């Protein structure tokens, strides 16, 4: 019985799996416990989504909600076409084409959003 070689995505997932360690409770002993498939799937879904909250003093300023949600300027998305996902590194025979990237420089008001 021959086994099929793992795909590039499976190879990447194996390297990037989240694992928990015993920490300070087991001094001198390093124990790794992998998450269950269900927990790993849930964690992957959570980490794949955009984070909704990063604490900032701007949140506690008077009128913060209007400044952030109503009066906030539109922020241009950076050009990420130059960035290739990990799969390009894992797939043999794929060559990269470098594209020029347009730089996005935020104003102070945009950075605050």
PDB file of N, CA and C in Angstrom:
ATOM      1  N   UNK A   1       0.837  -1.166   0.000  1.00  0.00           N
ATOM      2  CA  UNK A   1       0.000   0.000   0.000  1.00  0.00           C
ATOM      3  C   UNK A   1       0.891   1.240   0.000  1.00  0.00           C
ATOM      4  N   UNK A   2       0.759   2.064  -1.005  1.00  0.00           N
ATOM      5  CA  UNK A   2       1.580   3.272  -1.072  1.00  0.00           C
ATOM      6  C   UNK A   2       0.803   4.454  -0.504  1.00  0.00           C
ATOM      7  N   UNK A   3       1.535   5.327   0.164  1.00  0.00           N
ATOM      8  CA  UNK A   3       0.882   6.511   0.723  1.00  0.00           C
ATOM      9  C   UNK A   3       1.178   7.698  -0.169  1.00  0.00           C
ATOM     10  N   UNK A   4       0.188   8.554  -0.297  1.00  0.00           N
ATOM     11  CA  UNK A   4       0.315   9.742  -1.136  1.00  0.00           C
ATOM     12  C   UNK A   4       1.116  10.804  -0.390  1.00  0.00           C
ATOM     13  N   UNK A   5       1.997  11.475  -1.079  1.00  0.00           N
ATOM     14  CA  UNK A   5       2.788  12.551  -0.461  1.00  0.00           C
ATOM     15  C   UNK A   5       1.858  13.696  -0.080  1.00  0.00           C
ATOM     16  N   UNK A   6       2.107  14.325   1.075  1.00  0.00           N
ATOM     17  CA  UNK A   6       1.240  15.435   1.485  1.00  0.00           C
ATOM     18  C   UNK A   6       1.348  16.611   0.509  1.00  0.00           C
ATOM     19  N   UNK A   7       0.224  17.266   0.292  1.00  0.00           N
ATOM     20  CA  UNK A   7       0.200  18.425  -0.606  1.00  0.00           C
ATOM     21  C   UNK A   7       0.965  19.582   0.033  1.00  0.00           C
ATOM     22  N   UNK A   8       1.330  20.585  -0.753  1.00  0.00           N
ATOM     23  CA  UNK A   8       2.030  21.741  -0.177  1.00  0.00           C
ATOM     24  C   UNK A   8       1.242  22.408   0.954  1.00  0.00           C
ATOM     25  N   UNK A   9      -0.082  22.488   0.818  1.00  0.00           N
ATOM     26  CA  UNK A   9      -0.874  23.120   1.882  1.00  0.00           C
ATOM     27  C   UNK A   9      -0.843  22.266   3.147  1.00  0.00           C
ATOM     28  N   UNK A  10      -0.872  20.942   2.995  1.00  0.00           N
ATOM     29  CA  UNK A  10      -0.776  20.069   4.169  1.00  0.00           C
ATOM     30  C   UNK A  10       0.585  20.209   4.844  1.00  0.00           C
ATOM     31  N   UNK A  11       1.640  20.340   4.042  1.00  0.00           N
ATOM     32  CA  UNK A  11       2.973  20.536   4.610  1.00  0.00           C
ATOM     33  C   UNK A  11       3.022  21.827   5.414  1.00  0.00           C
ATOM     34  N   UNK A  12       2.442  22.876   4.846  1.00  0.00           N
ATOM     35  CA  UNK A  12       2.423  24.166   5.546  1.00  0.00           C
ATOM     36  C   UNK A  12       1.600  24.078   6.829  1.00  0.00           C
ATOM     37  N   UNK A  13       0.456  23.431   6.765  1.00  0.00           N
ATOM     38  CA  UNK A  13      -0.394  23.307   7.958  1.00  0.00           C
ATOM     39  C   UNK A  13       0.320  22.545   9.069  1.00  0.00           C
ATOM     40  N   UNK A  14       1.056  21.518   8.707  1.00  0.00           N
ATOM     41  CA  UNK A  14       1.784  20.753   9.726  1.00  0.00           C
ATOM     42  C   UNK A  14       2.810  21.621  10.437  1.00  0.00           C
ATOM     43  N   UNK A  15       3.500  22.468   9.661  1.00  0.00           N
ATOM     44  CA  UNK A  15       4.500  23.346  10.273  1.00  0.00           C
ATOM     45  C   UNK A  15       3.865  24.428  11.119  1.00  0.00           C
ATOM     46  N   UNK A  16       2.674  24.880  10.712  1.00  0.00           N
ATOM     47  CA  UNK A  16       2.063  26.017  11.384  1.00  0.00           C
ATOM     48  C   UNK A  16       1.027  25.662  12.422  1.00  0.00           C
ATOM     49  N   UNK A  17       0.880  24.388  12.758  1.00  0.00           N
ATOM     50  CA  UNK A  17      -0.139  24.002  13.730  1.00  0.00           C
ATOM     51  C   UNK A  17       0.122  24.649  15.072  1.00  0.00           C
ATOM     52  N   UNK A  18      -0.941  25.045  15.699  1.00  0.00           N
ATOM     53  CA  UNK A  18      -0.858  25.656  17.016  1.00  0.00           C
ATOM     54  C   UNK A  18      -0.780  24.542  18.044  1.00  0.00           C
ATOM     55  N   UNK A  19       0.108  24.684  19.003  1.00  0.00           N
ATOM     56  CA  UNK A  19       0.235  23.693  20.062  1.00  0.00           C
ATOM     57  C   UNK A  19       0.357  24.406  21.393  1.00  0.00           C
ATOM     58  N   UNK A  20      -0.094  23.739  22.441  1.00  0.00           N
ATOM     59  CA  UNK A  20       0.005  24.305  23.779  1.00  0.00           C
ATOM     60  C   UNK A  20       1.131  23.596  24.512  1.00  0.00           C
ATOM     61  N   UNK A  21       1.854  24.332  25.358  1.00  0.00           N
ATOM     62  CA  UNK A  21       2.899  23.729  26.171  1.00  0.00           C
ATOM     63  C   UNK A  21       2.510  23.836  27.633  1.00  0.00           C
ATOM     64  N   UNK A  22       3.146  23.039  28.469  1.00  0.00           N
ATOM     65  CA  UNK A  22       2.823  23.019  29.890  1.00  0.00           C
ATOM     66  C   UNK A  22       3.282  24.286  30.597  1.00  0.00           C
ATOM     67  N   UNK A  23       4.261  24.998  30.033  1.00  0.00           N
ATOM     68  CA  UNK A  23       4.710  26.263  30.613  1.00  0.00           C
ATOM     69  C   UNK A  23       5.536  26.073  31.866  1.00  0.00           C
ATOM     70  N   UNK A  24       5.405  27.017  32.818  1.00  0.00           N
ATOM     71  CA  UNK A  24       6.212  27.006  34.034  1.00  0.00           C
ATOM     72  C   UNK A  24       5.876  25.843  34.966  1.00  0.00           C
ATOM     73  N   UNK A  25       4.708  25.242  34.804  1.00  0.00           N
ATOM     74  CA  UNK A  25       4.294  24.156  35.691  1.00  0.00           C
ATOM     75  C   UNK A  25       5.223  22.948  35.576  1.00  0.00           C
ATOM     76  N   UNK A  26       5.814  22.761  34.431  1.00  0.00           N
ATOM     77  CA  UNK A  26       6.689  21.609  34.229  1.00  0.00           C
ATOM     78  C   UNK A  26       8.110  22.099  33.977  1.00  0.00           C
ATOM     79  N   UNK A  27       8.764  22.538  35.019  1.00  0.00           N
ATOM     80  CA  UNK A  27      10.116  23.072  34.897  1.00  0.00           C
ATOM     81  C   UNK A  27      11.051  21.966  34.428  1.00  0.00           C
ATOM     82  N   UNK A  28      11.797  22.251  33.377  1.00  0.00           N
ATOM     83  CA  UNK A  28      12.746  21.282  32.847  1.00  0.00           C
ATOM     84  C   UNK A  28      12.120  20.238  31.945  1.00  0.00           C
ATOM     85  N   UNK A  29      10.809  20.185  31.886  1.00  0.00           N
ATOM     86  CA  UNK A  29      10.127  19.211  31.047  1.00  0.00           C
ATOM     87  C   UNK A  29       9.354  19.978  29.982  1.00  0.00           C
ATOM     88  N   UNK A  30       9.621  19.684  28.751  1.00  0.00           N
ATOM     89  CA  UNK A  30       8.918  20.370  27.661  1.00  0.00           C
ATOM     90  C   UNK A  30       7.898  19.398  27.071  1.00  0.00           C
ATOM     91  N   UNK A  31       6.647  19.731  27.281  1.00  0.00           N
ATOM     92  CA  UNK A  31       5.567  18.876  26.808  1.00  0.00           C
ATOM     93  C   UNK A  31       4.744  19.668  25.806  1.00  0.00           C
ATOM     94  N   UNK A  32       4.503  19.082  24.650  1.00  0.00           N
ATOM     95  CA  UNK A  32       3.649  19.731  23.655  1.00  0.00           C
ATOM     96  C   UNK A  32       2.369  18.926  23.520  1.00  0.00           C
ATOM     97  N   UNK A  33       1.255  19.649  23.590  1.00  0.00           N
ATOM     98  CA  UNK A  33      -0.030  19.003  23.361  1.00  0.00           C
ATOM     99  C   UNK A  33      -0.704  19.735  22.213  1.00  0.00           C
ATOM    100  N   UNK A  34      -1.041  19.024  21.191  1.00  0.00           N
ATOM    101  CA  UNK A  34      -1.692  19.648  20.041  1.00  0.00           C
ATOM    102  C   UNK A  34      -3.163  19.890  20.358  1.00  0.00           C
ATOM    103  N   UNK A  35      -3.713  20.914  19.743  1.00  0.00           N
ATOM    104  CA  UNK A  35      -5.139  21.172  19.876  1.00  0.00           C
ATOM    105  C   UNK A  35      -5.910  20.101  19.114  1.00  0.00           C
ATOM    106  N   UNK A  36      -7.136  19.888  19.507  1.00  0.00           N
ATOM    107  CA  UNK A  36      -7.974  18.960  18.755  1.00  0.00           C
ATOM    108  C   UNK A  36      -8.249  19.573  17.387  1.00  0.00           C
ATOM    109  N   UNK A  37      -8.641  18.755  16.438  1.00  0.00           N
ATOM    110  CA  UNK A  37      -8.947  19.263  15.100  1.00  0.00           C
ATOM    111  C   UNK A  37     -10.044  20.317  15.171  1.00  0.00           C
ATOM    112  N   UNK A  38     -11.029  20.097  16.036  1.00  0.00           N
ATOM    113  CA  UNK A  38     -12.141  21.046  16.185  1.00  0.00           C
ATOM    114  C   UNK A  38     -11.637  22.388  16.727  1.00  0.00           C
ATOM    115  N   UNK A  39     -10.786  22.334  17.775  1.00  0.00           N
ATOM    116  CA  UNK A  39     -10.241  23.569  18.345  1.00  0.00           C
ATOM    117  C   UNK A  39      -9.316  24.274  17.355  1.00  0.00           C
ATOM    118  N   UNK A  40      -8.519  23.495  16.633  1.00  0.00           N
ATOM    119  CA  UNK A  40      -7.618  24.087  15.650  1.00  0.00           C
ATOM    120  C   UNK A  40      -8.406  24.767  14.532  1.00  0.00           C
ATOM    121  N   UNK A  41      -9.487  24.134  14.107  1.00  0.00           N
ATOM    122  CA  UNK A  41     -10.335  24.720  13.071  1.00  0.00           C
ATOM    123  C   UNK A  41     -10.961  26.021  13.556  1.00  0.00           C
ATOM    124  N   UNK A  42     -11.460  26.013  14.800  1.00  0.00           N
ATOM    125  CA  UNK A  42     -12.059  27.215  15.376  1.00  0.00           C
ATOM    126  C   UNK A  42     -11.022  28.332  15.487  1.00  0.00           C
ATOM    127  N   UNK A  43      -9.834  28.001  15.974  1.00  0.00           N
ATOM    128  CA  UNK A  43      -8.776  29.000  16.109  1.00  0.00           C
ATOM    129  C   UNK A  43      -8.377  29.565  14.747  1.00  0.00           C
ATOM    130  N   UNK A  44      -8.287  28.717  13.742  1.00  0.00           N
ATOM    131  CA  UNK A  44      -7.945  29.177  12.396  1.00  0.00           C
ATOM    132  C   UNK A  44      -8.994  30.145  11.866  1.00  0.00           C
ATOM    133  N   UNK A  45     -10.272  29.845  12.121  1.00  0.00           N
ATOM    134  CA  UNK A  45     -11.350  30.738  11.680  1.00  0.00           C
ATOM    135  C   UNK A  45     -11.254  32.085  12.381  1.00  0.00           C
ATOM    136  N   UNK A  46     -10.984  32.061  13.672  1.00  0.00           N
ATOM    137  CA  UNK A  46     -10.889  33.306  14.444  1.00  0.00           C
ATOM    138  C   UNK A  46      -9.715  34.144  13.960  1.00  0.00           C
ATOM    139  N   UNK A  47      -8.553  33.513  13.778  1.00  0.00           N
ATOM    140  CA  UNK A  47      -7.357  34.253  13.382  1.00  0.00           C
ATOM    141  C   UNK A  47      -7.398  34.707  11.926  1.00  0.00           C
ATOM    142  N   UNK A  48      -8.236  34.071  11.101  1.00  0.00           N
ATOM    143  CA  UNK A  48      -8.335  34.453   9.691  1.00  0.00           C
ATOM    144  C   UNK A  48      -9.150  35.725   9.498  1.00  0.00           C
ATOM    145  N   UNK A  49      -9.942  36.078  10.510  1.00  0.00           N
ATOM    146  CA  UNK A  49     -10.798  37.258  10.391  1.00  0.00           C
ATOM    147  C   UNK A  49     -10.077  38.493  10.901  1.00  0.00           C
ATOM    148  N   UNK A  50     -10.519  39.636  10.374  1.00  0.00           N
ATOM    149  CA  UNK A  50      -9.968  40.908  10.804  1.00  0.00           C
ATOM    150  C   UNK A  50     -10.321  41.130  12.272  1.00  0.00           C
ATOM    151  N   UNK A  51      -9.367  41.632  13.044  1.00  0.00           N
ATOM    152  CA  UNK A  51      -9.609  41.888  14.460  1.00  0.00           C
ATOM    153  C   UNK A  51     -10.443  43.152  14.620  1.00  0.00           C
ATOM    154  N   UNK A  52     -11.421  43.107  15.497  1.00  0.00           N
ATOM    155  CA  UNK A  52     -12.340  44.225  15.666  1.00  0.00           C
ATOM    156  C   UNK A  52     -11.860  45.278  16.656  1.00  0.00           C
ATOM    157  N   UNK A  53     -10.934  44.953  17.530  1.00  0.00           N
ATOM    158  CA  UNK A  53     -10.611  45.880  18.608  1.00  0.00           C
ATOM    159  C   UNK A  53      -9.128  45.876  18.941  1.00  0.00           C
ATOM    160  N   UNK A  54      -8.558  47.063  18.956  1.00  0.00           N
ATOM    161  CA  UNK A  54      -7.214  47.285  19.482  1.00  0.00           C
ATOM    162  C   UNK A  54      -7.338  48.523  20.348  1.00  0.00           C
ATOM    163  N   UNK A  55      -7.022  48.403  21.618  1.00  0.00           N
ATOM    164  CA  UNK A  55      -7.229  49.503  22.559  1.00  0.00           C
ATOM    165  C   UNK A  55      -6.405  50.725  22.165  1.00  0.00           C
ATOM    166  N   UNK A  56      -7.008  51.899  22.362  1.00  0.00           N
ATOM    167  CA  UNK A  56      -6.343  53.160  22.034  1.00  0.00           C
ATOM    168  C   UNK A  56      -6.902  54.260  22.920  1.00  0.00           C
ATOM    169  N   UNK A  57      -6.066  55.215  23.332  1.00  0.00           N
ATOM    170  CA  UNK A  57      -6.566  56.354  24.105  1.00  0.00           C
ATOM    171  C   UNK A  57      -7.606  57.162  23.319  1.00  0.00           C
ATOM    172  N   UNK A  58      -7.574  57.088  21.992  1.00  0.00           N
ATOM    173  CA  UNK A  58      -8.543  57.817  21.162  1.00  0.00           C
ATOM    174  C   UNK A  58      -9.973  57.376  21.456  1.00  0.00           C
ATOM    175  N   UNK A  59     -10.149  56.145  21.943  1.00  0.00           N
ATOM    176  CA  UNK A  59     -11.491  55.646  22.252  1.00  0.00           C
ATOM    177  C   UNK A  59     -12.108  56.367  23.441  1.00  0.00           C
ATOM    178  N   UNK A  60     -11.278  56.948  24.290  1.00  0.00           N
ATOM    179  CA  UNK A  60     -11.778  57.606  25.501  1.00  0.00           C
ATOM    180  C   UNK A  60     -11.887  59.125  25.348  1.00  0.00           C
ATOM    181  N   UNK A  61     -11.573  59.647  24.169  1.00  0.00           N
ATOM    182  CA  UNK A  61     -11.690  61.089  23.932  1.00  0.00           C
ATOM    183  C   UNK A  61     -13.163  61.466  23.766  1.00  0.00           C
ATOM    184  N   UNK A  62     -13.513  62.725  24.097  1.00  0.00           N
ATOM    185  CA  UNK A  62     -14.897  63.167  23.888  1.00  0.00           C
ATOM    186  C   UNK A  62     -15.271  63.070  22.402  1.00  0.00           C
ATOM    187  N   UNK A  63     -16.435  62.526  22.124  1.00  0.00           N
ATOM    188  CA  UNK A  63     -16.908  62.394  20.740  1.00  0.00           C
ATOM    189  C   UNK A  63     -16.166  61.349  19.937  1.00  0.00           C
ATOM    190  N   UNK A  64     -15.523  60.405  20.609  1.00  0.00           N
ATOM    191  CA  UNK A  64     -14.702  59.400  19.921  1.00  0.00           C
ATOM    192  C   UNK A  64     -15.512  58.582  18.916  1.00  0.00           C
ATOM    193  N   UNK A  65     -16.716  58.202  19.280  1.00  0.00           N
ATOM    194  CA  UNK A  65     -17.514  57.354  18.389  1.00  0.00           C
ATOM    195  C   UNK A  65     -17.776  58.059  17.056  1.00  0.00           C
ATOM    196  N   UNK A  66     -18.155  59.339  17.108  1.00  0.00           N
ATOM    197  CA  UNK A  66     -18.390  60.083  15.864  1.00  0.00           C
ATOM    198  C   UNK A  66     -17.098  60.263  15.076  1.00  0.00           C
ATOM    199  N   UNK A  67     -16.003  60.571  15.766  1.00  0.00           N
ATOM    200  CA  UNK A  67     -14.722  60.773  15.081  1.00  0.00           C
ATOM    201  C   UNK A  67     -14.278  59.504  14.350  1.00  0.00           C
ATOM    202  N   UNK A  68     -14.526  58.367  14.975  1.00  0.00           N
ATOM    203  CA  UNK A  68     -14.050  57.102  14.415  1.00  0.00           C
ATOM    204  C   UNK A  68     -14.987  56.555  13.345  1.00  0.00           C
ATOM    205  N   UNK A  69     -16.299  56.578  13.619  1.00  0.00           N
ATOM    206  CA  UNK A  69     -17.241  55.924  12.715  1.00  0.00           C
ATOM    207  C   UNK A  69     -17.933  56.855  11.729  1.00  0.00           C
ATOM    208  N   UNK A  70     -18.042  58.142  12.039  1.00  0.00           N
ATOM    209  CA  UNK A  70     -18.780  59.052  11.165  1.00  0.00           C
ATOM    210  C   UNK A  70     -17.842  59.987  10.402  1.00  0.00           C
ATOM    211  N   UNK A  71     -16.943  60.629  11.118  1.00  0.00           N
ATOM    212  CA  UNK A  71     -16.089  61.653  10.518  1.00  0.00           C
ATOM    213  C   UNK A  71     -14.766  61.108   9.980  1.00  0.00           C
ATOM    214  N   UNK A  72     -14.514  59.844  10.157  1.00  0.00           N
ATOM    215  CA  UNK A  72     -13.217  59.267   9.762  1.00  0.00           C
ATOM    216  C   UNK A  72     -13.022  59.321   8.251  1.00  0.00           C
ATOM    217  N   UNK A  73     -11.818  59.694   7.807  1.00  0.00           N
ATOM    218  CA  UNK A  73     -11.545  59.704   6.362  1.00  0.00           C
ATOM    219  C   UNK A  73     -11.412  58.271   5.846  1.00  0.00           C
ATOM    220  N   UNK A  74     -11.678  58.090   4.567  1.00  0.00           N
ATOM    221  CA  UNK A  74     -11.457  56.783   3.960  1.00  0.00           C
ATOM    222  C   UNK A  74      -9.955  56.541   3.883  1.00  0.00           C
ATOM    223  N   UNK A  75      -9.539  55.359   4.288  1.00  0.00           N
ATOM    224  CA  UNK A  75      -8.119  55.014   4.282  1.00  0.00           C
ATOM    225  C   UNK A  75      -7.857  54.119   3.077  1.00  0.00           C
ATOM    226  N   UNK A  76      -6.894  54.518   2.256  1.00  0.00           N
ATOM    227  CA  UNK A  76      -6.546  53.733   1.067  1.00  0.00           C
ATOM    228  C   UNK A  76      -5.896  52.422   1.488  1.00  0.00           C
ATOM    229  N   UNK A  77      -6.272  51.361   0.811  1.00  0.00           N
ATOM    230  CA  UNK A  77      -5.659  50.057   1.069  1.00  0.00           C
ATOM    231  C   UNK A  77      -4.300  50.009   0.373  1.00  0.00           C
ATOM    232  N   UNK A  78      -3.279  49.469   1.035  1.00  0.00           N
ATOM    233  CA  UNK A  78      -1.963  49.393   0.399  1.00  0.00           C
ATOM    234  C   UNK A  78      -1.954  48.360  -0.723  1.00  0.00           C
ATOM    235  N   UNK A  79      -1.063  48.540  -1.661  1.00  0.00           N
ATOM    236  CA  UNK A  79      -0.891  47.599  -2.757  1.00  0.00           C
ATOM    237  C   UNK A  79      -0.065  46.424  -2.245  1.00  0.00           C
ATOM    238  N   UNK A  80      -0.681  45.277  -2.160  1.00  0.00           N
ATOM    239  CA  UNK A  80       0.030  44.093  -1.664  1.00  0.00           C
ATOM    240  C   UNK A  80       0.288  43.082  -2.780  1.00  0.00           C
ATOM    241  N   UNK A  81       0.212  43.532  -4.028  1.00  0.00           N
ATOM    242  CA  UNK A  81       0.415  42.603  -5.135  1.00  0.00           C
ATOM    243  C   UNK A  81       1.837  42.042  -5.164  1.00  0.00           C
ATOM    244  N   UNK A  82       2.773  42.728  -4.520  1.00  0.00           N
ATOM    245  CA  UNK A  82       4.156  42.250  -4.483  1.00  0.00           C
ATOM    246  C   UNK A  82       4.307  41.065  -3.537  1.00  0.00           C
ATOM    247  N   UNK A  83       3.356  40.920  -2.624  1.00  0.00           N
ATOM    248  CA  UNK A  83       3.460  39.876  -1.614  1.00  0.00           C
ATOM    249  C   UNK A  83       2.802  38.601  -2.116  1.00  0.00           C
ATOM    250  N   UNK A  84       3.511  37.523  -2.050  1.00  0.00           N
ATOM    251  CA  UNK A  84       2.951  36.244  -2.471  1.00  0.00           C
ATOM    252  C   UNK A  84       2.796  35.350  -1.252  1.00  0.00           C
ATOM    253  N   UNK A  85       1.668  34.676  -1.148  1.00  0.00           N
ATOM    254  CA  UNK A  85       1.449  33.798   0.006  1.00  0.00           C
ATOM    255  C   UNK A  85       2.489  32.687   0.097  1.00  0.00           C
ATOM    256  N   UNK A  86       2.479  32.041   1.201  1.00  0.00           N
ATOM    257  CA  UNK A  86       3.429  30.961   1.484  1.00  0.00           C
ATOM    258  C   UNK A  86       3.348  29.862   0.437  1.00  0.00           C
ATOM    259  N   UNK A  87       2.191  29.690  -0.170  1.00  0.00           N
ATOM    260  CA  UNK A  87       2.037  28.608  -1.143  1.00  0.00           C
ATOM    261  C   UNK A  87       3.027  28.735  -2.296  1.00  0.00           C
ATOM    262  N   UNK A  88       3.400  29.952  -2.669  1.00  0.00           N
ATOM    263  CA  UNK A  88       4.382  30.106  -3.743  1.00  0.00           C
ATOM    264  C   UNK A  88       5.716  29.494  -3.350  1.00  0.00           C
ATOM    265  N   UNK A  89       6.051  29.596  -2.064  1.00  0.00           N
ATOM    266  CA  UNK A  89       7.303  29.017  -1.588  1.00  0.00           C
ATOM    267  C   UNK A  89       7.228  27.499  -1.533  1.00  0.00           C
ATOM    268  N   UNK A  90       6.026  26.971  -1.312  1.00  0.00           N
ATOM    269  CA  UNK A  90       5.876  25.529  -1.162  1.00  0.00           C
ATOM    270  C   UNK A  90       5.665  24.819  -2.490  1.00  0.00           C
ATOM    271  N   UNK A  91       5.271  25.538  -3.517  1.00  0.00           N
ATOM    272  CA  UNK A  91       4.998  24.924  -4.810  1.00  0.00           C
ATOM    273  C   UNK A  91       6.234  25.001  -5.694  1.00  0.00           C
ATOM    274  N   UNK A  92       6.822  23.844  -6.008  1.00  0.00           N
ATOM    275  CA  UNK A  92       8.010  23.864  -6.861  1.00  0.00           C
ATOM    276  C   UNK A  92       7.634  24.274  -8.284  1.00  0.00           C
ATOM    277  N   UNK A  93       8.558  24.940  -8.936  1.00  0.00           N
ATOM    278  CA  UNK A  93       8.348  25.289 -10.329  1.00  0.00           C
ATOM    279  C   UNK A  93       7.612  26.590 -10.558  1.00  0.00           C
ATOM    280  N   UNK A  94       7.138  27.222  -9.516  1.00  0.00           N
ATOM    281  CA  UNK A  94       6.441  28.501  -9.690  1.00  0.00           C
ATOM    282  C   UNK A  94       7.462  29.616  -9.578  1.00  0.00           C
ATOM    283  N   UNK A  95       7.455  30.485 -10.552  1.00  0.00           N
ATOM    284  CA  UNK A  95       8.376  31.615 -10.487  1.00  0.00           C
ATOM    285  C   UNK A  95       7.600  32.863 -10.101  1.00  0.00           C
ATOM    286  N   UNK A  96       8.263  33.759  -9.428  1.00  0.00           N
ATOM    287  CA  UNK A  96       7.630  34.994  -8.984  1.00  0.00           C
ATOM    288  C   UNK A  96       7.853  36.090 -10.015  1.00  0.00           C
ATOM    289  N   UNK A  97       6.858  36.923 -10.169  1.00  0.00           N
ATOM    290  CA  UNK A  97       7.025  38.116 -10.981  1.00  0.00           C
ATOM    291  C   UNK A  97       6.889  39.303 -10.054  1.00  0.00           C
ATOM    292  N   UNK A  98       7.901  40.118 -10.030  1.00  0.00           N
ATOM    293  CA  UNK A  98       7.913  41.264  -9.137  1.00  0.00           C
ATOM    294  C   UNK A  98       7.187  42.419  -9.815  1.00  0.00           C
ATOM    295  N   UNK A  99       6.216  42.981  -9.112  1.00  0.00           N
ATOM    296  CA  UNK A  99       5.472  44.122  -9.626  1.00  0.00           C
ATOM    297  C   UNK A  99       5.827  45.331  -8.788  1.00  0.00           C
ATOM    298  N   UNK A 100       5.732  46.478  -9.390  1.00  0.00           N
ATOM    299  CA  UNK A 100       6.009  47.685  -8.615  1.00  0.00           C
ATOM    300  C   UNK A 100       4.844  47.939  -7.673  1.00  0.00           C
ATOM    301  N   UNK A 101       5.152  48.324  -6.461  1.00  0.00           N
ATOM    302  CA  UNK A 101       4.130  48.562  -5.449  1.00  0.00           C
ATOM    303  C   UNK A 101       3.962  50.055  -5.235  1.00  0.00           C
ATOM    304  N   UNK A 102       2.709  50.458  -5.109  1.00  0.00           N
ATOM    305  CA  UNK A 102       2.432  51.857  -4.825  1.00  0.00           C
ATOM    306  C   UNK A 102       2.406  52.027  -3.317  1.00  0.00           C
ATOM    307  N   UNK A 103       3.136  53.004  -2.837  1.00  0.00           N
ATOM    308  CA  UNK A 103       3.239  53.228  -1.400  1.00  0.00           C
ATOM    309  C   UNK A 103       2.053  54.062  -0.920  1.00  0.00           C
ATOM    310  N   UNK A 104       1.468  53.657   0.203  1.00  0.00           N
ATOM    311  CA  UNK A 104       0.373  54.408   0.809  1.00  0.00           C
ATOM    312  C   UNK A 104       0.909  55.047   2.073  1.00  0.00           C
ATOM    313  N   UNK A 105       0.872  56.364   2.132  1.00  0.00           N
ATOM    314  CA  UNK A 105       1.319  57.078   3.323  1.00  0.00           C
ATOM    315  C   UNK A 105       0.093  57.687   3.986  1.00  0.00           C
ATOM    316  N   UNK A 106      -0.136  57.303   5.231  1.00  0.00           N
ATOM    317  CA  UNK A 106      -1.309  57.770   5.960  1.00  0.00           C
ATOM    318  C   UNK A 106      -1.059  59.127   6.597  1.00  0.00           C
ATOM    319  N   UNK A 107      -2.121  59.914   6.675  1.00  0.00           N
ATOM    320  CA  UNK A 107      -2.055  61.172   7.419  1.00  0.00           C
ATOM    321  C   UNK A 107      -2.242  60.843   8.897  1.00  0.00           C
ATOM    322  N   UNK A 108      -2.001  61.812   9.754  1.00  0.00           N
ATOM    323  CA  UNK A 108      -2.205  61.594  11.184  1.00  0.00           C
ATOM    324  C   UNK A 108      -3.638  61.196  11.493  1.00  0.00           C
ATOM    325  N   UNK A 109      -4.606  61.827  10.824  1.00  0.00           N
ATOM    326  CA  UNK A 109      -6.020  61.502  11.045  1.00  0.00           C
ATOM    327  C   UNK A 109      -6.325  60.075  10.611  1.00  0.00           C
ATOM    328  N   UNK A 110      -5.745  59.635   9.492  1.00  0.00           N
ATOM    329  CA  UNK A 110      -5.975  58.274   9.021  1.00  0.00           C
ATOM    330  C   UNK A 110      -5.345  57.256   9.964  1.00  0.00           C
ATOM    331  N   UNK A 111      -4.174  57.572  10.499  1.00  0.00           N
ATOM    332  CA  UNK A 111      -3.528  56.660  11.438  1.00  0.00           C
ATOM    333  C   UNK A 111      -4.357  56.478  12.695  1.00  0.00           C
ATOM    334  N   UNK A 112      -5.047  57.519  13.108  1.00  0.00           N
ATOM    335  CA  UNK A 112      -5.858  57.443  14.320  1.00  0.00           C
ATOM    336  C   UNK A 112      -7.056  56.531  14.154  1.00  0.00           C
ATOM    337  N   UNK A 113      -7.536  56.393  12.929  1.00  0.00           N
ATOM    338  CA  UNK A 113      -8.680  55.530  12.676  1.00  0.00           C
ATOM    339  C   UNK A 113      -8.198  54.123  12.812  1.00  0.00           C
TER     340      UNK A 113
END
